[in-house]
Full PDB file with SEQRES, HELIX, SHEET, SSBOND, CRYST1, ORIGX, SCALE, CONECT and MASTER records, all heavy atoms in Angstrom:
SEQRES   1 A   42  CYS PRO SER ARG GLN LEU LEU SER PRO GLN LYS LEU VAL          
SEQRES   2 A   42  VAL PRO LEU SER ASN SER GLU TYR LYS LEU LEU ARG ALA          
SEQRES   3 A   42  PHE LEU ALA HIS PRO LYS GLN ILE LEU THR ARG ASP GLN          
SEQRES   4 A   42  LEU LEU GLU                                                  
HELIX    1 AA1 ASN A   18  ALA A   29  1                                  12    
HELIX    2 AA2 ARG A   37  LEU A   41  1                                   5    
SHEET    1 AA1 2 LEU A   6  LEU A   7  0                                        
SHEET    2 AA1 2 VAL A  13  VAL A  14 -1                                        
CRYST1    1.000    1.000    1.000  90.00  90.00  90.00 P 1           1          
ORIGX1      1.000000  0.000000  0.000000        0.00000                         
ORIGX2      0.000000  1.000000  0.000000        0.00000                         
ORIGX3      0.000000  0.000000  1.000000        0.00000                         
SCALE1      1.000000  0.000000  0.000000        0.00000                         
SCALE2      0.000000  1.000000  0.000000        0.00000                         
SCALE3      0.000000  0.000000  1.000000        0.00000                         
ATOM      1  N   CYS A   1       3.640  -9.583  -2.355  1.00  0.00           N  
ATOM      2  CA  CYS A   1       2.643  -9.209  -3.359  1.00  0.00           C  
ATOM      3  C   CYS A   1       1.716 -10.355  -3.761  1.00  0.00           C  
ATOM      4  O   CYS A   1       0.495 -10.139  -3.880  1.00  0.00           O  
ATOM      5  CB  CYS A   1       3.356  -8.617  -4.588  1.00  0.00           C  
ATOM      6  SG  CYS A   1       4.239  -7.105  -4.241  1.00  0.00           S  
ATOM      7  N   PRO A   2       2.217 -11.559  -4.033  1.00  0.00           N  
ATOM      8  CA  PRO A   2       1.294 -12.619  -4.444  1.00  0.00           C  
ATOM      9  C   PRO A   2       0.168 -12.899  -3.466  1.00  0.00           C  
ATOM     10  O   PRO A   2      -0.975 -13.136  -3.833  1.00  0.00           O  
ATOM     11  CB  PRO A   2       2.197 -13.828  -4.623  1.00  0.00           C  
ATOM     12  CG  PRO A   2       3.542 -13.246  -4.923  1.00  0.00           C  
ATOM     13  CD  PRO A   2       3.614 -12.007  -4.083  1.00  0.00           C  
ATOM     14  N   SER A   3       0.497 -12.853  -2.159  1.00  0.00           N  
ATOM     15  CA  SER A   3      -0.501 -13.117  -1.129  1.00  0.00           C  
ATOM     16  C   SER A   3      -1.133 -11.851  -0.573  1.00  0.00           C  
ATOM     17  O   SER A   3      -2.071 -11.923   0.223  1.00  0.00           O  
ATOM     18  CB  SER A   3       0.126 -13.913   0.021  1.00  0.00           C  
ATOM     19  OG  SER A   3       1.094 -13.135   0.691  1.00  0.00           O  
ATOM     20  N   ARG A   4      -0.586 -10.696  -0.987  1.00  0.00           N  
ATOM     21  CA  ARG A   4      -1.039  -9.392  -0.470  1.00  0.00           C  
ATOM     22  C   ARG A   4      -0.915  -9.346   1.053  1.00  0.00           C  
ATOM     23  O   ARG A   4      -1.747  -8.762   1.743  1.00  0.00           O  
ATOM     24  CB  ARG A   4      -2.485  -9.090  -0.893  1.00  0.00           C  
ATOM     25  CG  ARG A   4      -2.672  -9.026  -2.396  1.00  0.00           C  
ATOM     26  CD  ARG A   4      -4.031  -8.493  -2.769  1.00  0.00           C  
ATOM     27  NE  ARG A   4      -4.113  -8.262  -4.204  1.00  0.00           N  
ATOM     28  CZ  ARG A   4      -5.087  -7.601  -4.815  1.00  0.00           C  
ATOM     29  NH1 ARG A   4      -6.091  -7.112  -4.101  1.00  0.00           N  
ATOM     30  NH2 ARG A   4      -5.075  -7.436  -6.110  1.00  0.00           N  
ATOM     31  N   GLN A   5       0.132  -9.945   1.570  1.00  0.00           N  
ATOM     32  CA  GLN A   5       0.349 -10.049   3.006  1.00  0.00           C  
ATOM     33  C   GLN A   5       1.418  -9.036   3.450  1.00  0.00           C  
ATOM     34  O   GLN A   5       2.513  -8.995   2.887  1.00  0.00           O  
ATOM     35  CB  GLN A   5       0.772 -11.462   3.380  1.00  0.00           C  
ATOM     36  CG  GLN A   5       0.762 -11.731   4.866  1.00  0.00           C  
ATOM     37  CD  GLN A   5       1.082 -13.185   5.152  1.00  0.00           C  
ATOM     38  OE1 GLN A   5       2.215 -13.615   5.117  1.00  0.00           O  
ATOM     39  NE2 GLN A   5       0.038 -13.971   5.413  1.00  0.00           N  
ATOM     40  N   LEU A   6       1.072  -8.243   4.458  1.00  0.00           N  
ATOM     41  CA  LEU A   6       1.996  -7.260   4.996  1.00  0.00           C  
ATOM     42  C   LEU A   6       2.565  -7.777   6.315  1.00  0.00           C  
ATOM     43  O   LEU A   6       1.810  -8.178   7.208  1.00  0.00           O  
ATOM     44  CB  LEU A   6       1.278  -5.915   5.208  1.00  0.00           C  
ATOM     45  CG  LEU A   6       2.109  -4.769   5.781  1.00  0.00           C  
ATOM     46  CD1 LEU A   6       3.204  -4.364   4.784  1.00  0.00           C  
ATOM     47  CD2 LEU A   6       1.215  -3.573   6.101  1.00  0.00           C  
ATOM     48  N   LEU A   7       3.889  -7.759   6.396  1.00  0.00           N  
ATOM     49  CA  LEU A   7       4.576  -8.256   7.594  1.00  0.00           C  
ATOM     50  C   LEU A   7       5.270  -7.098   8.292  1.00  0.00           C  
ATOM     51  O   LEU A   7       6.028  -6.342   7.661  1.00  0.00           O  
ATOM     52  CB  LEU A   7       5.600  -9.332   7.218  1.00  0.00           C  
ATOM     53  CG  LEU A   7       6.102 -10.237   8.338  1.00  0.00           C  
ATOM     54  CD1 LEU A   7       4.964 -11.108   8.899  1.00  0.00           C  
ATOM     55  CD2 LEU A   7       7.243 -11.116   7.833  1.00  0.00           C  
ATOM     56  N   SER A   8       4.994  -6.920   9.579  1.00  0.00           N  
ATOM     57  CA  SER A   8       5.560  -5.812  10.346  1.00  0.00           C  
ATOM     58  C   SER A   8       7.019  -6.067  10.678  1.00  0.00           C  
ATOM     59  O   SER A   8       7.494  -7.211  10.569  1.00  0.00           O  
ATOM     60  CB  SER A   8       4.766  -5.604  11.643  1.00  0.00           C  
ATOM     61  OG  SER A   8       5.067  -6.625  12.569  1.00  0.00           O  
ATOM     62  N   PRO A   9       7.757  -5.068  11.160  1.00  0.00           N  
ATOM     63  CA  PRO A   9       9.147  -5.286  11.591  1.00  0.00           C  
ATOM     64  C   PRO A   9       9.253  -6.300  12.723  1.00  0.00           C  
ATOM     65  O   PRO A   9      10.304  -6.902  12.927  1.00  0.00           O  
ATOM     66  CB  PRO A   9       9.598  -3.896  12.047  1.00  0.00           C  
ATOM     67  CG  PRO A   9       8.751  -2.944  11.261  1.00  0.00           C  
ATOM     68  CD  PRO A   9       7.414  -3.635  11.148  1.00  0.00           C  
ATOM     69  N   GLN A  10       8.132  -6.476  13.469  1.00  0.00           N  
ATOM     70  CA  GLN A  10       8.111  -7.466  14.554  1.00  0.00           C  
ATOM     71  C   GLN A  10       7.676  -8.849  14.053  1.00  0.00           C  
ATOM     72  O   GLN A  10       7.373  -9.758  14.839  1.00  0.00           O  
ATOM     73  CB  GLN A  10       7.159  -7.005  15.665  1.00  0.00           C  
ATOM     74  CG  GLN A  10       7.621  -5.763  16.414  1.00  0.00           C  
ATOM     75  CD  GLN A  10       7.432  -4.490  15.590  1.00  0.00           C  
ATOM     76  OE1 GLN A  10       6.462  -4.389  14.830  1.00  0.00           O  
ATOM     77  NE2 GLN A  10       8.337  -3.541  15.756  1.00  0.00           N  
ATOM     78  N   LYS A  11       7.603  -9.015  12.725  1.00  0.00           N  
ATOM     79  CA  LYS A  11       7.224 -10.278  12.069  1.00  0.00           C  
ATOM     80  C   LYS A  11       5.772 -10.671  12.312  1.00  0.00           C  
ATOM     81  O   LYS A  11       5.416 -11.849  12.289  1.00  0.00           O  
ATOM     82  CB  LYS A  11       8.146 -11.433  12.529  1.00  0.00           C  
ATOM     83  CG  LYS A  11       9.634 -11.138  12.448  1.00  0.00           C  
ATOM     84  CD  LYS A  11      10.060 -10.756  11.030  1.00  0.00           C  
ATOM     85  CE  LYS A  11      11.550 -10.494  10.956  1.00  0.00           C  
ATOM     86  NZ  LYS A  11      11.973 -10.020   9.608  1.00  0.00           N  
ATOM     87  N   LEU A  12       4.924  -9.670  12.525  1.00  0.00           N  
ATOM     88  CA  LEU A  12       3.505  -9.910  12.703  1.00  0.00           C  
ATOM     89  C   LEU A  12       2.775  -9.630  11.391  1.00  0.00           C  
ATOM     90  O   LEU A  12       3.076  -8.657  10.696  1.00  0.00           O  
ATOM     91  CB  LEU A  12       2.928  -9.007  13.798  1.00  0.00           C  
ATOM     92  CG  LEU A  12       3.527  -9.179  15.194  1.00  0.00           C  
ATOM     93  CD1 LEU A  12       2.945  -8.147  16.155  1.00  0.00           C  
ATOM     94  CD2 LEU A  12       3.274 -10.584  15.724  1.00  0.00           C  
ATOM     95  N   VAL A  13       1.809 -10.486  11.051  1.00  0.00           N  
ATOM     96  CA  VAL A  13       1.027 -10.292   9.827  1.00  0.00           C  
ATOM     97  C   VAL A  13      -0.045  -9.218  10.088  1.00  0.00           C  
ATOM     98  O   VAL A  13      -0.811  -9.297  11.044  1.00  0.00           O  
ATOM     99  CB  VAL A  13       0.342 -11.606   9.402  1.00  0.00           C  
ATOM    100  CG1 VAL A  13      -0.569 -11.355   8.208  1.00  0.00           C  
ATOM    101  CG2 VAL A  13       1.382 -12.655   9.083  1.00  0.00           C  
ATOM    102  N   VAL A  14      -0.038  -8.217   9.229  1.00  0.00           N  
ATOM    103  CA  VAL A  14      -1.006  -7.123   9.328  1.00  0.00           C  
ATOM    104  C   VAL A  14      -2.007  -7.253   8.174  1.00  0.00           C  
ATOM    105  O   VAL A  14      -1.617  -7.100   7.015  1.00  0.00           O  
ATOM    106  CB  VAL A  14      -0.314  -5.753   9.284  1.00  0.00           C  
ATOM    107  CG1 VAL A  14      -1.331  -4.622   9.374  1.00  0.00           C  
ATOM    108  CG2 VAL A  14       0.722  -5.626  10.396  1.00  0.00           C  
ATOM    109  N   PRO A  15      -3.268  -7.557   8.445  1.00  0.00           N  
ATOM    110  CA  PRO A  15      -4.237  -7.715   7.365  1.00  0.00           C  
ATOM    111  C   PRO A  15      -4.528  -6.403   6.657  1.00  0.00           C  
ATOM    112  O   PRO A  15      -4.639  -5.349   7.306  1.00  0.00           O  
ATOM    113  CB  PRO A  15      -5.485  -8.253   8.092  1.00  0.00           C  
ATOM    114  CG  PRO A  15      -5.348  -7.763   9.506  1.00  0.00           C  
ATOM    115  CD  PRO A  15      -3.865  -7.763   9.783  1.00  0.00           C  
ATOM    116  N   LEU A  16      -4.658  -6.476   5.348  1.00  0.00           N  
ATOM    117  CA  LEU A  16      -4.984  -5.300   4.544  1.00  0.00           C  
ATOM    118  C   LEU A  16      -6.263  -5.572   3.753  1.00  0.00           C  
ATOM    119  O   LEU A  16      -6.425  -6.658   3.181  1.00  0.00           O  
ATOM    120  CB  LEU A  16      -3.845  -4.986   3.561  1.00  0.00           C  
ATOM    121  CG  LEU A  16      -2.505  -4.526   4.114  1.00  0.00           C  
ATOM    122  CD1 LEU A  16      -1.505  -4.349   2.968  1.00  0.00           C  
ATOM    123  CD2 LEU A  16      -2.639  -3.233   4.906  1.00  0.00           C  
ATOM    124  N   SER A  17      -7.140  -4.587   3.701  1.00  0.00           N  
ATOM    125  CA  SER A  17      -8.288  -4.698   2.815  1.00  0.00           C  
ATOM    126  C   SER A  17      -7.812  -4.510   1.384  1.00  0.00           C  
ATOM    127  O   SER A  17      -6.661  -4.083   1.151  1.00  0.00           O  
ATOM    128  CB  SER A  17      -9.331  -3.639   3.160  1.00  0.00           C  
ATOM    129  OG  SER A  17      -8.832  -2.340   2.847  1.00  0.00           O  
ATOM    130  N   ASN A  18      -8.664  -4.798   0.428  1.00  0.00           N  
ATOM    131  CA  ASN A  18      -8.295  -4.636  -0.978  1.00  0.00           C  
ATOM    132  C   ASN A  18      -7.921  -3.190  -1.288  1.00  0.00           C  
ATOM    133  O   ASN A  18      -6.919  -2.931  -1.957  1.00  0.00           O  
ATOM    134  CB  ASN A  18      -9.442  -5.082  -1.872  1.00  0.00           C  
ATOM    135  CG  ASN A  18      -9.070  -5.057  -3.339  1.00  0.00           C  
ATOM    136  OD1 ASN A  18      -8.060  -5.624  -3.749  1.00  0.00           O  
ATOM    137  ND2 ASN A  18      -9.869  -4.375  -4.159  1.00  0.00           N  
ATOM    138  N   SER A  19      -8.697  -2.234  -0.782  1.00  0.00           N  
ATOM    139  CA  SER A  19      -8.419  -0.830  -1.049  1.00  0.00           C  
ATOM    140  C   SER A  19      -7.136  -0.383  -0.348  1.00  0.00           C  
ATOM    141  O   SER A  19      -6.369   0.423  -0.904  1.00  0.00           O  
ATOM    142  CB  SER A  19      -9.591   0.041  -0.608  1.00  0.00           C  
ATOM    143  OG  SER A  19      -9.839  -0.093   0.786  1.00  0.00           O  
ATOM    144  N   GLU A  20      -6.863  -0.887   0.854  1.00  0.00           N  
ATOM    145  CA  GLU A  20      -5.634  -0.535   1.561  1.00  0.00           C  
ATOM    146  C   GLU A  20      -4.407  -1.082   0.826  1.00  0.00           C  
ATOM    147  O   GLU A  20      -3.383  -0.402   0.714  1.00  0.00           O  
ATOM    148  CB  GLU A  20      -5.670  -1.064   2.987  1.00  0.00           C  
ATOM    149  CG  GLU A  20      -6.685  -0.341   3.863  1.00  0.00           C  
ATOM    150  CD  GLU A  20      -6.972  -1.075   5.153  1.00  0.00           C  
ATOM    151  OE1 GLU A  20      -6.517  -2.251   5.302  1.00  0.00           O  
ATOM    152  OE2 GLU A  20      -7.665  -0.516   6.022  1.00  0.00           O  
ATOM    153  N   TYR A  21      -4.540  -2.301   0.303  1.00  0.00           N  
ATOM    154  CA  TYR A  21      -3.446  -2.907  -0.455  1.00  0.00           C  
ATOM    155  C   TYR A  21      -3.147  -2.063  -1.715  1.00  0.00           C  
ATOM    156  O   TYR A  21      -1.980  -1.759  -2.013  1.00  0.00           O  
ATOM    157  CB  TYR A  21      -3.783  -4.322  -0.845  1.00  0.00           C  
ATOM    158  CG  TYR A  21      -2.775  -4.953  -1.803  1.00  0.00           C  
ATOM    159  CD1 TYR A  21      -1.546  -5.412  -1.353  1.00  0.00           C  
ATOM    160  CD2 TYR A  21      -3.081  -5.053  -3.160  1.00  0.00           C  
ATOM    161  CE1 TYR A  21      -0.630  -5.967  -2.233  1.00  0.00           C  
ATOM    162  CE2 TYR A  21      -2.165  -5.600  -4.048  1.00  0.00           C  
ATOM    163  CZ  TYR A  21      -0.934  -6.060  -3.573  1.00  0.00           C  
ATOM    164  OH  TYR A  21      -0.039  -6.611  -4.447  1.00  0.00           O  
ATOM    165  N   LYS A  22      -4.200  -1.681  -2.438  1.00  0.00           N  
ATOM    166  CA  LYS A  22      -4.010  -0.896  -3.668  1.00  0.00           C  
ATOM    167  C   LYS A  22      -3.421   0.463  -3.364  1.00  0.00           C  
ATOM    168  O   LYS A  22      -2.590   0.988  -4.124  1.00  0.00           O  
ATOM    169  CB  LYS A  22      -5.333  -0.761  -4.408  1.00  0.00           C  
ATOM    170  CG  LYS A  22      -5.819  -2.059  -5.051  1.00  0.00           C  
ATOM    171  CD  LYS A  22      -7.109  -1.832  -5.824  1.00  0.00           C  
ATOM    172  CE  LYS A  22      -7.564  -3.101  -6.497  1.00  0.00           C  
ATOM    173  NZ  LYS A  22      -8.816  -2.894  -7.257  1.00  0.00           N  
ATOM    174  N   LEU A  23      -3.849   1.072  -2.264  1.00  0.00           N  
ATOM    175  CA  LEU A  23      -3.311   2.374  -1.882  1.00  0.00           C  
ATOM    176  C   LEU A  23      -1.833   2.253  -1.522  1.00  0.00           C  
ATOM    177  O   LEU A  23      -1.028   3.096  -1.971  1.00  0.00           O  
ATOM    178  CB  LEU A  23      -4.092   2.942  -0.699  1.00  0.00           C  
ATOM    179  CG  LEU A  23      -3.663   4.333  -0.202  1.00  0.00           C  
ATOM    180  CD1 LEU A  23      -3.826   5.359  -1.303  1.00  0.00           C  
ATOM    181  CD2 LEU A  23      -4.466   4.727   1.032  1.00  0.00           C  
ATOM    182  N   LEU A  24      -1.472   1.224  -0.770  1.00  0.00           N  
ATOM    183  CA  LEU A  24      -0.060   1.041  -0.429  1.00  0.00           C  
ATOM    184  C   LEU A  24       0.760   0.788  -1.682  1.00  0.00           C  
ATOM    185  O   LEU A  24       1.865   1.336  -1.826  1.00  0.00           O  
ATOM    186  CB  LEU A  24       0.073  -0.149   0.543  1.00  0.00           C  
ATOM    187  CG  LEU A  24       1.503  -0.479   0.992  1.00  0.00           C  
ATOM    188  CD1 LEU A  24       2.179   0.728   1.619  1.00  0.00           C  
ATOM    189  CD2 LEU A  24       1.502  -1.664   1.961  1.00  0.00           C  
ATOM    190  N   ARG A  25       0.249  -0.009  -2.621  1.00  0.00           N  
ATOM    191  CA  ARG A  25       0.965  -0.245  -3.854  1.00  0.00           C  
ATOM    192  C   ARG A  25       1.147   1.046  -4.657  1.00  0.00           C  
ATOM    193  O   ARG A  25       2.184   1.264  -5.300  1.00  0.00           O  
ATOM    194  CB  ARG A  25       0.205  -1.293  -4.704  1.00  0.00           C  
ATOM    195  CG  ARG A  25       0.368  -2.706  -4.207  1.00  0.00           C  
ATOM    196  CD  ARG A  25       1.796  -3.216  -4.357  1.00  0.00           C  
ATOM    197  NE  ARG A  25       2.203  -3.211  -5.746  1.00  0.00           N  
ATOM    198  CZ  ARG A  25       2.097  -4.263  -6.565  1.00  0.00           C  
ATOM    199  NH1 ARG A  25       1.554  -5.379  -6.104  1.00  0.00           N  
ATOM    200  NH2 ARG A  25       2.509  -4.214  -7.796  1.00  0.00           N  
ATOM    201  N   ALA A  26       0.136   1.913  -4.629  1.00  0.00           N  
ATOM    202  CA  ALA A  26       0.251   3.190  -5.330  1.00  0.00           C  
ATOM    203  C   ALA A  26       1.382   4.023  -4.731  1.00  0.00           C  
ATOM    204  O   ALA A  26       2.187   4.609  -5.465  1.00  0.00           O  
ATOM    205  CB  ALA A  26      -1.071   3.958  -5.267  1.00  0.00           C  
ATOM    206  N   PHE A  27       1.463   4.053  -3.407  1.00  0.00           N  
ATOM    207  CA  PHE A  27       2.547   4.796  -2.761  1.00  0.00           C  
ATOM    208  C   PHE A  27       3.902   4.155  -3.050  1.00  0.00           C  
ATOM    209  O   PHE A  27       4.887   4.859  -3.308  1.00  0.00           O  
ATOM    210  CB  PHE A  27       2.322   4.864  -1.238  1.00  0.00           C  
ATOM    211  CG  PHE A  27       1.329   5.914  -0.808  1.00  0.00           C  
ATOM    212  CD1 PHE A  27       0.195   5.551  -0.104  1.00  0.00           C  
ATOM    213  CD2 PHE A  27       1.542   7.251  -1.097  1.00  0.00           C  
ATOM    214  CE1 PHE A  27      -0.718   6.507   0.302  1.00  0.00           C  
ATOM    215  CE2 PHE A  27       0.628   8.221  -0.693  1.00  0.00           C  
ATOM    216  CZ  PHE A  27      -0.504   7.868   0.000  1.00  0.00           C  
ATOM    217  N   LEU A  28       3.963   2.836  -3.018  1.00  0.00           N  
ATOM    218  CA  LEU A  28       5.226   2.133  -3.273  1.00  0.00           C  
ATOM    219  C   LEU A  28       5.702   2.331  -4.725  1.00  0.00           C  
ATOM    220  O   LEU A  28       6.895   2.314  -4.995  1.00  0.00           O  
ATOM    221  CB  LEU A  28       5.064   0.644  -2.992  1.00  0.00           C  
ATOM    222  CG  LEU A  28       4.898   0.257  -1.514  1.00  0.00           C  
ATOM    223  CD1 LEU A  28       4.520  -1.212  -1.398  1.00  0.00           C  
ATOM    224  CD2 LEU A  28       6.187   0.539  -0.747  1.00  0.00           C  
ATOM    225  N   ALA A  29       4.729   2.512  -5.626  1.00  0.00           N  
ATOM    226  CA  ALA A  29       5.092   2.734  -7.034  1.00  0.00           C  
ATOM    227  C   ALA A  29       5.632   4.140  -7.273  1.00  0.00           C  
ATOM    228  O   ALA A  29       6.296   4.406  -8.281  1.00  0.00           O  
ATOM    229  CB  ALA A  29       3.876   2.492  -7.929  1.00  0.00           C  
ATOM    230  N   HIS A  30       5.355   5.062  -6.325  1.00  0.00           N  
ATOM    231  CA  HIS A  30       5.794   6.454  -6.500  1.00  0.00           C  
ATOM    232  C   HIS A  30       6.405   6.965  -5.199  1.00  0.00           C  
ATOM    233  O   HIS A  30       5.906   7.921  -4.604  1.00  0.00           O  
ATOM    234  CB  HIS A  30       4.619   7.333  -6.911  1.00  0.00           C  
ATOM    235  CG  HIS A  30       3.943   6.890  -8.163  1.00  0.00           C  
ATOM    236  ND1 HIS A  30       4.489   7.099  -9.413  1.00  0.00           N  
ATOM    237  CD2 HIS A  30       2.775   6.245  -8.359  1.00  0.00           C  
ATOM    238  CE1 HIS A  30       3.682   6.609 -10.342  1.00  0.00           C  
ATOM    239  NE2 HIS A  30       2.652   6.081  -9.726  1.00  0.00           N  
ATOM    240  N   PRO A  31       7.500   6.349  -4.725  1.00  0.00           N  
ATOM    241  CA  PRO A  31       8.113   6.809  -3.473  1.00  0.00           C  
ATOM    242  C   PRO A  31       8.671   8.224  -3.591  1.00  0.00           C  
ATOM    243  O   PRO A  31       9.187   8.613  -4.635  1.00  0.00           O  
ATOM    244  CB  PRO A  31       9.221   5.786  -3.234  1.00  0.00           C  
ATOM    245  CG  PRO A  31       9.578   5.290  -4.616  1.00  0.00           C  
ATOM    246  CD  PRO A  31       8.284   5.285  -5.364  1.00  0.00           C  
ATOM    247  N   LYS A  32       8.504   8.995  -2.529  1.00  0.00           N  
ATOM    248  CA  LYS A  32       9.070  10.340  -2.417  1.00  0.00           C  
ATOM    249  C   LYS A  32       8.499  11.310  -3.461  1.00  0.00           C  
ATOM    250  O   LYS A  32       9.110  12.297  -3.812  1.00  0.00           O  
ATOM    251  CB  LYS A  32      10.588  10.303  -2.483  1.00  0.00           C  
ATOM    252  CG  LYS A  32      11.239   9.468  -1.392  1.00  0.00           C  
ATOM    253  CD  LYS A  32      12.741   9.576  -1.404  1.00  0.00           C  
ATOM    254  CE  LYS A  32      13.371   8.638  -0.376  1.00  0.00           C  
ATOM    255  NZ  LYS A  32      12.957   8.914   0.991  1.00  0.00           N  
ATOM    256  N   GLN A  33       7.304  10.983  -3.979  1.00  0.00           N  
ATOM    257  CA  GLN A  33       6.613  11.886  -4.892  1.00  0.00           C  
ATOM    258  C   GLN A  33       5.297  12.320  -4.269  1.00  0.00           C  
ATOM    259  O   GLN A  33       4.582  11.516  -3.684  1.00  0.00           O  
ATOM    260  CB  GLN A  33       6.292  11.180  -6.223  1.00  0.00           C  
ATOM    261  CG  GLN A  33       7.515  10.828  -7.050  1.00  0.00           C  
ATOM    262  CD  GLN A  33       7.133  10.222  -8.383  1.00  0.00           C  
ATOM    263  OE1 GLN A  33       6.115  10.591  -8.962  1.00  0.00           O  
ATOM    264  NE2 GLN A  33       7.914   9.290  -8.853  1.00  0.00           N  
ATOM    265  N   ILE A  34       4.996  13.614  -4.386  1.00  0.00           N  
ATOM    266  CA  ILE A  34       3.722  14.100  -3.873  1.00  0.00           C  
ATOM    267  C   ILE A  34       2.615  13.618  -4.798  1.00  0.00           C  
ATOM    268  O   ILE A  34       2.639  13.818  -5.983  1.00  0.00           O  
ATOM    269  CB  ILE A  34       3.718  15.638  -3.810  1.00  0.00           C  
ATOM    270  CG1 ILE A  34       4.783  16.141  -2.828  1.00  0.00           C  
ATOM    271  CG2 ILE A  34       2.327  16.151  -3.379  1.00  0.00           C  
ATOM    272  CD1 ILE A  34       4.945  17.657  -2.809  1.00  0.00           C  
ATOM    273  N   LEU A  35       1.608  12.949  -4.204  1.00  0.00           N  
ATOM    274  CA  LEU A  35       0.464  12.470  -4.937  1.00  0.00           C  
ATOM    275  C   LEU A  35      -0.775  13.214  -4.442  1.00  0.00           C  
ATOM    276  O   LEU A  35      -1.060  13.195  -3.249  1.00  0.00           O  
ATOM    277  CB  LEU A  35       0.273  10.968  -4.765  1.00  0.00           C  
ATOM    278  CG  LEU A  35       1.423  10.079  -5.264  1.00  0.00           C  
ATOM    279  CD1 LEU A  35       1.148   8.617  -4.920  1.00  0.00           C  
ATOM    280  CD2 LEU A  35       1.605  10.234  -6.769  1.00  0.00           C  
ATOM    281  N   THR A  36      -1.503  13.852  -5.344  1.00  0.00           N  
ATOM    282  CA  THR A  36      -2.719  14.544  -4.946  1.00  0.00           C  
ATOM    283  C   THR A  36      -3.812  13.530  -4.626  1.00  0.00           C  
ATOM    284  O   THR A  36      -3.709  12.352  -4.971  1.00  0.00           O  
ATOM    285  CB  THR A  36      -3.196  15.488  -6.058  1.00  0.00           C  
ATOM    286  OG1 THR A  36      -3.636  14.702  -7.182  1.00  0.00           O  
ATOM    287  CG2 THR A  36      -2.073  16.429  -6.499  1.00  0.00           C  
ATOM    288  N   ARG A  37      -4.886  14.012  -4.037  1.00  0.00           N  
ATOM    289  CA  ARG A  37      -6.012  13.122  -3.744  1.00  0.00           C  
ATOM    290  C   ARG A  37      -6.627  12.564  -5.028  1.00  0.00           C  
ATOM    291  O   ARG A  37      -7.006  11.405  -5.097  1.00  0.00           O  
ATOM    292  CB  ARG A  37      -7.041  13.871  -2.904  1.00  0.00           C  
ATOM    293  CG  ARG A  37      -6.595  14.150  -1.478  1.00  0.00           C  
ATOM    294  CD  ARG A  37      -7.531  15.106  -0.765  1.00  0.00           C  
ATOM    295  NE  ARG A  37      -7.152  15.278   0.631  1.00  0.00           N  
ATOM    296  CZ  ARG A  37      -6.164  16.098   1.028  1.00  0.00           C  
ATOM    297  NH1 ARG A  37      -5.475  16.806   0.146  1.00  0.00           N  
ATOM    298  NH2 ARG A  37      -5.867  16.208   2.330  1.00  0.00           N  
ATOM    299  N   ASP A  38      -6.721  13.410  -6.055  1.00  0.00           N  
ATOM    300  CA  ASP A  38      -7.249  12.940  -7.330  1.00  0.00           C  
ATOM    301  C   ASP A  38      -6.384  11.854  -7.923  1.00  0.00           C  
ATOM    302  O   ASP A  38      -6.875  10.859  -8.466  1.00  0.00           O  
ATOM    303  CB  ASP A  38      -7.369  14.106  -8.324  1.00  0.00           C  
ATOM    304  CG  ASP A  38      -8.551  15.022  -8.034  1.00  0.00           C  
ATOM    305  OD1 ASP A  38      -9.455  14.591  -7.284  1.00  0.00           O  
ATOM    306  OD2 ASP A  38      -8.558  16.150  -8.531  1.00  0.00           O  
ATOM    307  N   GLN A  39      -5.072  12.028  -7.840  1.00  0.00           N  
ATOM    308  CA  GLN A  39      -4.159  11.032  -8.373  1.00  0.00           C  
ATOM    309  C   GLN A  39      -4.285   9.726  -7.603  1.00  0.00           C  
ATOM    310  O   GLN A  39      -4.276   8.637  -8.201  1.00  0.00           O  
ATOM    311  CB  GLN A  39      -2.718  11.544  -8.322  1.00  0.00           C  
ATOM    312  CG  GLN A  39      -2.446  12.636  -9.348  1.00  0.00           C  
ATOM    313  CD  GLN A  39      -1.095  13.306  -9.129  1.00  0.00           C  
ATOM    314  OE1 GLN A  39      -0.460  13.140  -8.103  1.00  0.00           O  
ATOM    315  NE2 GLN A  39      -0.657  14.099 -10.113  1.00  0.00           N  
ATOM    316  N   LEU A  40      -4.415   9.813  -6.295  1.00  0.00           N  
ATOM    317  CA  LEU A  40      -4.547   8.594  -5.479  1.00  0.00           C  
ATOM    318  C   LEU A  40      -5.857   7.890  -5.761  1.00  0.00           C  
ATOM    319  O   LEU A  40      -5.904   6.656  -5.780  1.00  0.00           O  
ATOM    320  CB  LEU A  40      -4.416   8.951  -4.002  1.00  0.00           C  
ATOM    321  CG  LEU A  40      -3.009   9.312  -3.529  1.00  0.00           C  
ATOM    322  CD1 LEU A  40      -3.028   9.893  -2.124  1.00  0.00           C  
ATOM    323  CD2 LEU A  40      -2.098   8.094  -3.587  1.00  0.00           C  
ATOM    324  N   LEU A  41      -6.939   8.647  -5.973  1.00  0.00           N  
ATOM    325  CA  LEU A  41      -8.196   8.039  -6.336  1.00  0.00           C  
ATOM    326  C   LEU A  41      -8.054   7.267  -7.640  1.00  0.00           C  
ATOM    327  O   LEU A  41      -8.547   6.136  -7.776  1.00  0.00           O  
ATOM    328  CB  LEU A  41      -9.290   9.111  -6.505  1.00  0.00           C  
ATOM    329  CG  LEU A  41      -9.930   9.642  -5.220  1.00  0.00           C  
ATOM    330  CD1 LEU A  41     -10.801  10.859  -5.555  1.00  0.00           C  
ATOM    331  CD2 LEU A  41     -10.748   8.570  -4.540  1.00  0.00           C  
ATOM    332  N   GLU A  42      -7.358   7.864  -8.580  1.00  0.00           N  
ATOM    333  CA  GLU A  42      -7.176   7.232  -9.884  1.00  0.00           C  
ATOM    334  C   GLU A  42      -6.273   6.011  -9.797  1.00  0.00           C  
ATOM    335  O   GLU A  42      -6.563   4.956 -10.368  1.00  0.00           O  
ATOM    336  CB  GLU A  42      -6.583   8.242 -10.855  1.00  0.00           C  
ATOM    337  CG  GLU A  42      -6.327   7.720 -12.250  1.00  0.00           C  
ATOM    338  CD  GLU A  42      -5.653   8.763 -13.112  1.00  0.00           C  
ATOM    339  OE1 GLU A  42      -6.103   9.919 -13.106  1.00  0.00           O  
ATOM    340  OE2 GLU A  42      -4.664   8.437 -13.764  1.00  0.00           O  
TER     341      GLU A  42                                                      
MASTER        0    0    0    2    2    0    0    6  340    1    0    4          
END                                                                             
């Protein structure tokens, strides 16, 4: 999280844009919950 760096299972760094990082964090904050498009936008 501090560096916003995503590491793959093969130990490769996968670059994320700011919007991709925020979207991933939104999903991680609500695992196994259905999120509508409106909720994800918010």
